[in-house]
Amino acid sequence: MKFRKLMPNFSVRDVGDSVKFYQDILAFKFEMAVQDGTTTIENEISNETEYAYAMLSCALCFMGTGLS
């Protein structure tokens, strides 16, 4: 079997803080987020909102973070 894509998911305490870390320190690109308690996909992240899930990408990988 040959894999075409690998997408790790990490459980985190604060999705917004995790997004900021991966963007600022590791230069990941924010792709989308889902606000906690909804299924609505958002294209930008707000400091005033709690998120259940976010997806980020880099040139060679994709990654998801979600509440633990």
Protein backbone atom coordinates (compact mmCIF):
# COMPACT_ATOMS: atom_id res chain seq x y z
CA MET A 1 0.00 0.00 0.00
CA LYS A 2 1.33 3.46 -0.93
CA PHE A 3 0.32 6.53 1.10
CA ARG A 4 -0.38 9.74 -0.78
CA LYS A 5 -0.93 11.97 2.23
CA LEU A 6 -0.41 11.77 5.97
CA MET A 7 -2.35 14.13 8.25
CA PRO A 8 -1.55 14.00 11.97
CA ASN A 9 -4.13 15.29 14.49
CA PHE A 10 -3.15 16.60 17.91
CA SER A 11 -5.40 17.07 20.96
CA VAL A 12 -4.66 20.44 22.56
CA ARG A 13 -6.03 22.52 25.42
CA ASP A 14 -6.41 25.74 23.41
CA VAL A 15 -6.85 25.56 19.63
CA GLY A 16 -6.33 29.32 19.17
CA ASP A 17 -3.02 29.30 21.07
CA SER A 18 -1.88 26.24 19.11
CA VAL A 19 -2.71 27.92 15.79
CA LYS A 20 -0.72 30.99 16.83
CA PHE A 21 2.29 28.83 17.76
CA TYR A 22 2.28 26.87 14.50
CA GLN A 23 1.86 30.06 12.46
CA ASP A 24 4.37 32.28 14.29
CA ILE A 25 7.07 29.76 15.20
CA LEU A 26 6.83 27.04 12.54
CA ALA A 27 5.45 29.14 9.63
CA PHE A 28 2.37 26.96 9.04
CA LYS A 29 -0.50 28.44 7.02
CA PHE A 30 -3.95 28.61 8.62
CA GLU A 31 -6.53 26.77 6.48
CA MET A 32 -9.76 26.67 8.51
CA ALA A 33 -11.31 26.37 11.97
CA VAL A 34 -14.56 25.08 13.47
CA GLN A 35 -16.01 27.03 16.38
CA ASP A 36 -16.66 24.96 19.51
CA GLY A 37 -20.26 23.69 19.57
CA THR A 38 -20.90 24.24 15.84
CA THR A 39 -20.14 22.62 12.49
CA THR A 40 -19.53 25.92 10.69
CA ILE A 41 -16.17 26.23 8.93
CA GLU A 42 -14.46 29.60 9.41
CA ASN A 43 -11.71 30.98 7.17
CA GLU A 44 -10.12 33.16 9.83
CA ILE A 45 -9.51 32.79 13.54
CA SER A 46 -10.55 35.25 16.26
CA ASN A 47 -9.03 35.72 19.71
CA GLU A 48 -12.53 36.10 21.20
CA THR A 49 -13.80 32.70 19.98
CA GLU A 50 -13.19 29.17 21.27
CA TYR A 51 -12.55 26.60 18.56
CA ALA A 52 -13.01 22.83 18.57
CA TYR A 53 -10.77 22.17 15.57
CA ALA A 54 -8.36 23.92 13.22
CA MET A 55 -6.43 22.83 10.15
CA LEU A 56 -3.03 24.19 9.18
CA SER A 57 -0.66 23.36 6.36
CA CYS A 58 2.95 23.78 5.32
CA ALA A 59 4.68 23.13 2.04
CA LEU A 60 5.08 19.41 2.77
CA CYS A 61 2.33 18.59 5.28
CA PHE A 62 -1.15 19.16 6.73
CA MET A 63 -2.00 19.10 10.41
CA GLY A 64 -5.15 19.32 12.52
CA THR A 65 -5.56 20.37 16.14
CA GLY A 66 -8.60 19.80 18.32
CA LEU A 67 -9.71 20.21 21.90
CA SER A 68 -8.48 17.54 24.31
